[in-house]
């Protein structure tokens, strides 16, 4: 049995942290889904920047959109939405089969909005509407200004992937924002089933200390942070993040926010450890296509 299948059977979701038009057109992503138990995909502006710079697959579309007068972020998001909607359609059978637990793809709002609550919320609503896919997460950074936007987006029924989280404290703050949005939906008589995942970046910790710790402690801090975050949510099967009114996410309100661990490639890291270290039920592991 493949290692990816073993992790999948243990309840850990494996999402690809990459997207390119070549990946879609070549059938490689479809093969990852069928052969490697990949059950979701995330993207961000850096991933798209790398994809567009290093492939001619976007050239014709860019020329056509430029002739239509599009440029800058408008042109970028048109390209990005084309790719993520194609990916969303490939993952849709998984989303249907798992009732929205897996089969998600993610599209991030512009990073220049990270400290602008109102503009972040407006962008999240616009991107969600333009994409028109139920299995699309809109990524919002878990900054101080991002948290109110997350709450409002969840209240509006927009599935959210909270990004740029680096600690269990930030994870809990994101989960609380999620719960506030869900509780408001419950109080308004609305459906509380709105998906969300919180992405904790683990390898950045190891990058920060790689030259400051003994060799036997390298690639261990990120895993420790991920495990601490997982313990904060009550172990492998509970989600004891309590909202303002004392309602636990796994009881009164819809589905709990899921913790995700992101292993970005920065220098030499133990890829296997960063995936298997925080493994467990209802955890999302994200790995670049390297």
Protein backbone atom coordinates (compact mmCIF):
# COMPACT_ATOMS: atom_id res chain seq x y z
CA UNK A 1 0.00 0.00 0.00
CA UNK A 2 1.28 3.48 -0.89
CA UNK A 3 2.18 5.79 2.01
CA UNK A 4 -0.44 8.28 0.78
CA UNK A 5 -3.10 5.55 0.90
CA UNK A 6 -2.07 4.64 4.46
CA UNK A 7 -2.45 8.23 5.61
CA UNK A 8 -5.78 8.51 3.80
CA UNK A 9 -7.07 5.33 5.49
CA UNK A 10 -6.12 6.79 8.89
CA UNK A 11 -8.39 9.76 8.22
CA UNK A 12 -5.77 12.31 7.20
CA UNK A 13 -6.65 14.29 4.12
CA UNK A 14 -3.85 14.95 1.62
CA UNK A 15 -4.24 18.15 -0.37
CA UNK A 16 -1.86 19.21 -3.10
CA UNK A 17 -0.32 22.62 -2.41
CA UNK A 18 0.18 23.47 -6.07
CA UNK A 19 -1.69 24.19 -9.28
CA UNK A 20 -0.58 24.82 -12.85
CA UNK A 21 -2.39 24.75 -16.17
CA UNK A 22 0.03 22.03 -17.30
CA UNK A 23 -0.98 19.92 -14.29
CA UNK A 24 -4.60 20.20 -15.41
CA UNK A 25 -4.12 19.78 -19.15
CA UNK A 26 -1.73 16.82 -18.94
CA UNK A 27 -4.06 14.74 -16.78
CA UNK A 28 -1.50 14.68 -13.97
CA UNK A 29 -3.89 16.09 -11.36
CA UNK A 30 -6.52 13.54 -12.35
CA UNK A 31 -3.90 10.80 -11.88
CA UNK A 32 -2.92 12.17 -8.46
CA UNK A 33 -6.55 11.89 -7.41
CA UNK A 34 -7.02 8.34 -8.68
CA UNK A 35 -3.59 6.87 -7.86
CA UNK A 36 -2.26 8.83 -4.87
CA UNK A 37 -5.40 9.49 -2.79
CA UNK A 38 -5.08 13.27 -3.18
CA UNK A 39 -8.41 14.65 -1.99
CA UNK A 40 -8.03 18.42 -2.31
CA UNK A 41 -5.89 21.27 -3.60
CA UNK A 42 -4.77 24.68 -2.43
CA UNK A 43 -3.31 27.64 -4.27
CA UNK A 44 -1.95 31.09 -3.50
CA UNK A 45 -0.64 34.05 -5.52
CA UNK A 46 2.96 32.83 -5.27
CA UNK A 47 2.02 29.43 -6.68
CA UNK A 48 0.21 31.06 -9.59
CA UNK A 49 3.08 33.50 -10.17
CA UNK A 50 5.49 30.58 -10.45
CA UNK A 51 3.11 28.67 -12.72
CA UNK A 52 2.58 31.57 -15.12
CA UNK A 53 6.27 32.52 -15.25
CA UNK A 54 7.44 28.99 -15.96
CA UNK A 55 4.94 27.82 -18.54
CA UNK A 56 3.82 28.86 -21.98
CA UNK A 57 0.38 27.36 -21.32
CA UNK A 58 -0.96 30.75 -20.20
CA UNK A 59 0.44 32.81 -23.07
CA UNK A 60 -2.52 32.61 -25.44
CA UNK A 61 -5.02 33.39 -22.68
CA UNK A 62 -2.93 36.34 -21.49
CA UNK A 63 -2.70 37.79 -25.00
CA UNK A 64 -6.46 37.41 -25.51
CA UNK A 65 -7.34 39.01 -22.18
CA UNK A 66 -4.84 41.82 -22.74
CA UNK A 67 -6.56 42.60 -26.07
CA UNK A 68 -9.81 42.85 -24.10
CA UNK A 69 -8.21 45.54 -21.97
CA UNK A 70 -7.55 43.44 -18.89
CA UNK A 71 -4.35 43.81 -16.92
CA UNK A 72 -2.88 43.47 -13.44
CA UNK A 73 -4.97 41.73 -10.81
CA UNK A 74 -8.07 41.58 -13.02
CA UNK A 75 -6.19 39.52 -15.58
CA UNK A 76 -4.50 37.43 -12.90
CA UNK A 77 -7.74 36.46 -11.18
CA UNK A 78 -9.36 35.52 -14.48
CA UNK A 79 -6.53 33.06 -15.11
CA UNK A 80 -6.63 31.80 -11.53
CA UNK A 81 -10.39 31.27 -11.54
CA UNK A 82 -10.16 29.34 -14.80
CA UNK A 83 -7.65 26.97 -13.22
CA UNK A 84 -9.28 26.52 -9.81
CA UNK A 85 -12.73 25.89 -11.29
CA UNK A 86 -11.30 23.14 -13.49
CA UNK A 87 -9.62 21.65 -10.43
CA UNK A 88 -12.82 22.00 -8.41
CA UNK A 89 -14.71 20.03 -11.03
CA UNK A 90 -12.15 17.20 -10.79
CA UNK A 91 -12.52 17.08 -7.00
CA UNK A 92 -16.31 17.51 -6.99
CA UNK A 93 -17.07 13.74 -6.88
CA UNK A 94 -14.96 13.49 -3.69
CA UNK A 95 -16.76 16.50 -2.21
CA UNK A 96 -20.13 14.91 -2.97
CA UNK A 97 -19.10 11.48 -1.69
CA UNK A 98 -17.68 12.82 1.61
CA UNK A 99 -20.52 15.33 2.11
CA UNK A 100 -18.11 18.24 2.02
CA UNK A 101 -15.39 16.86 4.27
CA UNK A 102 -12.94 16.58 1.36
CA UNK A 103 -12.78 17.54 -2.29
CA UNK A 104 -12.00 21.22 -1.71
CA UNK A 105 -9.87 23.61 -3.73
CA UNK A 106 -8.72 27.03 -2.49
CA UNK A 107 -8.30 30.48 -4.03
CA UNK A 108 -6.73 33.31 -2.03
CA UNK A 109 -7.75 36.94 -1.92
CA UNK A 110 -5.11 39.48 -2.92
CA UNK A 111 -2.30 39.58 -0.32
CA UNK A 112 -2.31 43.39 -0.41
CA UNK A 113 -5.65 43.23 1.46
CA UNK A 114 -4.23 41.39 4.49
CA UNK A 115 -4.79 44.40 6.76
CA UNK A 116 -8.01 45.70 5.21
CA UNK A 117 -11.11 44.01 6.65
CA UNK A 118 -13.74 45.56 4.40
CA UNK A 119 -11.83 44.99 1.16
CA UNK A 120 -10.95 41.42 2.14
CA UNK A 121 -14.62 40.62 2.73
CA UNK A 122 -15.68 42.26 -0.53
CA UNK A 123 -13.00 40.33 -2.45
CA UNK A 124 -14.01 37.03 -0.81
CA UNK A 125 -17.64 37.53 -1.81
CA UNK A 126 -16.72 38.53 -5.36
CA UNK A 127 -14.32 35.61 -5.95
CA UNK A 128 -16.76 33.10 -4.49
CA UNK A 129 -19.55 34.37 -6.73
CA UNK A 130 -17.36 34.45 -9.85
CA UNK A 131 -16.08 30.91 -9.37
CA UNK A 132 -19.52 29.47 -8.69
CA UNK A 133 -18.30 26.20 -7.18
CA UNK A 134 -19.62 24.85 -3.86
CA UNK A 135 -16.32 23.08 -3.15
CA UNK A 136 -14.22 26.24 -3.32
CA UNK A 137 -12.58 27.68 -0.23
CA UNK A 138 -11.68 31.35 -0.29
CA UNK A 139 -8.41 31.86 1.55
CA UNK A 140 -8.24 34.74 4.02
CA UNK A 141 -5.14 35.42 6.16
CA UNK A 142 -5.57 35.03 9.90
CA UNK A 143 -4.36 38.55 10.63
CA UNK A 144 -5.98 40.83 13.19
CA UNK A 145 -7.88 42.51 10.37
CA UNK A 146 -8.60 39.20 8.67
CA UNK A 147 -10.48 37.68 11.63
CA UNK A 148 -13.57 39.95 11.34
CA UNK A 149 -13.63 39.28 7.59
CA UNK A 150 -13.55 35.53 8.30
CA UNK A 151 -16.50 35.83 10.68
CA UNK A 152 -18.52 37.88 8.19
CA UNK A 153 -17.66 35.59 5.28
CA UNK A 154 -18.74 32.50 7.24
CA UNK A 155 -21.95 34.30 8.22
CA UNK A 156 -22.50 35.00 4.51
CA UNK A 157 -22.13 31.27 3.79
CA UNK A 158 -18.72 31.45 2.10
CA UNK A 159 -16.41 28.50 2.88
CA UNK A 160 -13.09 29.80 4.21
CA UNK A 161 -9.53 28.49 4.35
CA UNK A 162 -7.71 30.56 6.98
CA UNK A 163 -4.09 30.99 5.95
CA UNK A 164 -0.92 32.47 7.47
CA UNK A 165 -1.33 30.79 10.86
CA UNK A 166 1.83 29.92 12.76
CA UNK A 167 0.71 28.92 16.28
CA UNK A 168 -2.04 27.25 18.25
CA UNK A 169 -3.09 30.68 19.55
CA UNK A 170 -3.70 31.88 16.01
CA UNK A 171 -5.53 28.66 15.21
CA UNK A 172 -7.84 29.17 18.18
CA UNK A 173 -8.49 32.79 17.19
CA UNK A 174 -9.41 31.65 13.67
CA UNK A 175 -11.67 28.93 15.04
CA UNK A 176 -13.42 31.45 17.28
CA UNK A 177 -14.05 33.74 14.30
CA UNK A 178 -15.49 30.75 12.44
CA UNK A 179 -17.74 29.89 15.39
CA UNK A 180 -19.00 33.44 15.74
CA UNK A 181 -20.06 33.39 12.11
CA UNK A 182 -21.75 30.00 12.49
CA UNK A 183 -23.51 30.99 15.71
CA UNK A 184 -24.91 34.07 14.00
CA UNK A 185 -26.23 31.84 11.20
CA UNK A 186 -27.90 29.56 13.75
CA UNK A 187 -29.49 32.53 15.52
CA UNK A 188 -30.73 33.85 12.16
CA UNK A 189 -32.28 30.49 11.30
CA UNK A 190 -29.74 29.81 8.55
CA UNK A 191 -27.98 26.55 7.65
CA UNK A 192 -24.89 26.16 9.89
CA UNK A 193 -23.15 23.82 7.44
CA UNK A 194 -20.37 26.09 6.14
CA UNK A 195 -16.98 24.50 5.54
CA UNK A 196 -13.72 25.86 6.90
CA UNK A 197 -10.11 24.80 7.40
CA UNK A 198 -7.32 26.55 9.30
CA UNK A 199 -3.87 26.18 7.71
CA UNK A 200 -0.98 26.17 10.18
CA UNK A 201 2.42 26.70 8.54
CA UNK A 202 4.84 24.31 10.23
CA UNK A 203 8.06 24.29 8.22
CA UNK A 204 8.58 28.04 8.66
CA UNK A 205 9.47 27.33 12.31
CA UNK A 206 12.20 24.93 11.25
CA UNK A 207 13.52 27.42 8.72
CA UNK A 208 13.78 30.06 11.44
CA UNK A 209 15.82 27.88 13.83
CA UNK A 210 17.73 25.56 11.49
CA UNK A 211 21.10 27.18 12.25
CA UNK A 212 20.36 27.70 15.95
CA UNK A 213 19.60 24.18 17.19
CA UNK A 214 21.60 20.93 17.35
CA UNK A 215 21.33 18.64 14.33
CA UNK A 216 19.14 16.12 16.18
CA UNK A 217 16.56 18.84 16.87
CA UNK A 218 16.27 20.11 13.32
CA UNK A 219 12.90 19.63 11.64
CA UNK A 220 11.28 18.99 15.03
CA UNK A 221 9.90 22.38 16.08
CA UNK A 222 7.31 22.60 13.33
CA UNK A 223 5.98 19.15 14.17
CA UNK A 224 5.79 20.11 17.84
CA UNK A 225 3.78 23.22 16.96
CA UNK A 226 1.43 21.14 14.81
CA UNK A 227 0.93 18.56 17.56
CA UNK A 228 0.28 21.27 20.15
CA UNK A 229 -2.32 22.81 17.84
CA UNK A 230 -3.98 19.43 17.45
CA UNK A 231 -4.04 18.89 21.20
CA UNK A 232 -5.62 22.32 21.67
CA UNK A 233 -8.59 21.16 19.64
CA UNK A 234 -9.13 18.20 21.94
CA UNK A 235 -7.35 15.31 20.28
CA UNK A 236 -8.08 13.41 17.10
CA UNK A 237 -11.86 13.39 17.09
CA UNK A 238 -13.16 16.36 19.06
CA UNK A 239 -13.30 20.07 18.34
CA UNK A 240 -13.69 21.72 21.76
CA UNK A 241 -13.32 25.29 20.55
CA UNK A 242 -16.02 27.11 22.47
CA UNK A 243 -17.73 30.22 21.14
CA UNK A 244 -18.95 33.30 22.95
CA UNK A 245 -22.18 31.63 24.06
CA UNK A 246 -20.58 28.42 25.29
CA UNK A 247 -21.53 26.31 22.26
CA UNK A 248 -18.98 23.76 21.16
CA UNK A 249 -18.23 23.63 17.46
CA UNK A 250 -18.82 19.88 17.25
CA UNK A 251 -22.24 20.08 18.93
CA UNK A 252 -24.53 23.04 18.47
CA UNK A 253 -23.07 24.45 15.30
CA UNK A 254 -22.38 22.66 11.99
CA UNK A 255 -19.09 21.04 11.18
CA UNK A 256 -15.94 21.97 13.15
CA UNK A 257 -13.11 23.95 11.61
CA UNK A 258 -10.40 21.51 10.55
CA UNK A 259 -6.70 22.06 11.26
CA UNK A 260 -4.42 21.86 8.24
CA UNK A 261 -0.64 21.63 8.28
CA UNK A 262 1.31 23.17 5.44
CA UNK A 263 4.80 21.99 4.56
CA UNK A 264 6.31 24.66 2.37
CA UNK A 265 9.69 23.97 0.82
CA UNK A 266 12.29 26.29 2.34
CA UNK A 267 15.77 24.79 2.35
CA UNK A 268 16.36 21.16 3.33
CA UNK A 269 13.51 19.77 5.39
CA UNK A 270 12.34 16.30 6.27
CA UNK A 271 9.30 16.14 4.00
CA UNK A 272 8.18 12.76 5.36
CA UNK A 273 8.35 13.98 8.96
CA UNK A 274 6.38 17.12 8.27
CA UNK A 275 3.57 15.06 6.78
CA UNK A 276 3.57 12.11 9.17
CA UNK A 277 4.42 14.02 12.35
CA UNK A 278 1.02 15.71 12.77
CA UNK A 279 -0.88 12.86 11.10
CA UNK A 280 -4.26 11.79 12.40
CA UNK A 281 -7.97 11.74 11.89
CA UNK A 282 -9.61 14.94 10.58
CA UNK A 283 -6.26 16.61 9.93
CA UNK A 284 -5.45 18.04 6.50
CA UNK A 285 -1.88 17.60 5.28
CA UNK A 286 -0.76 19.91 2.47
CA UNK A 287 2.31 19.12 0.42
CA UNK A 288 3.81 20.87 -2.62
CA UNK A 289 4.14 18.99 -5.89
CA UNK A 290 7.92 18.57 -5.70
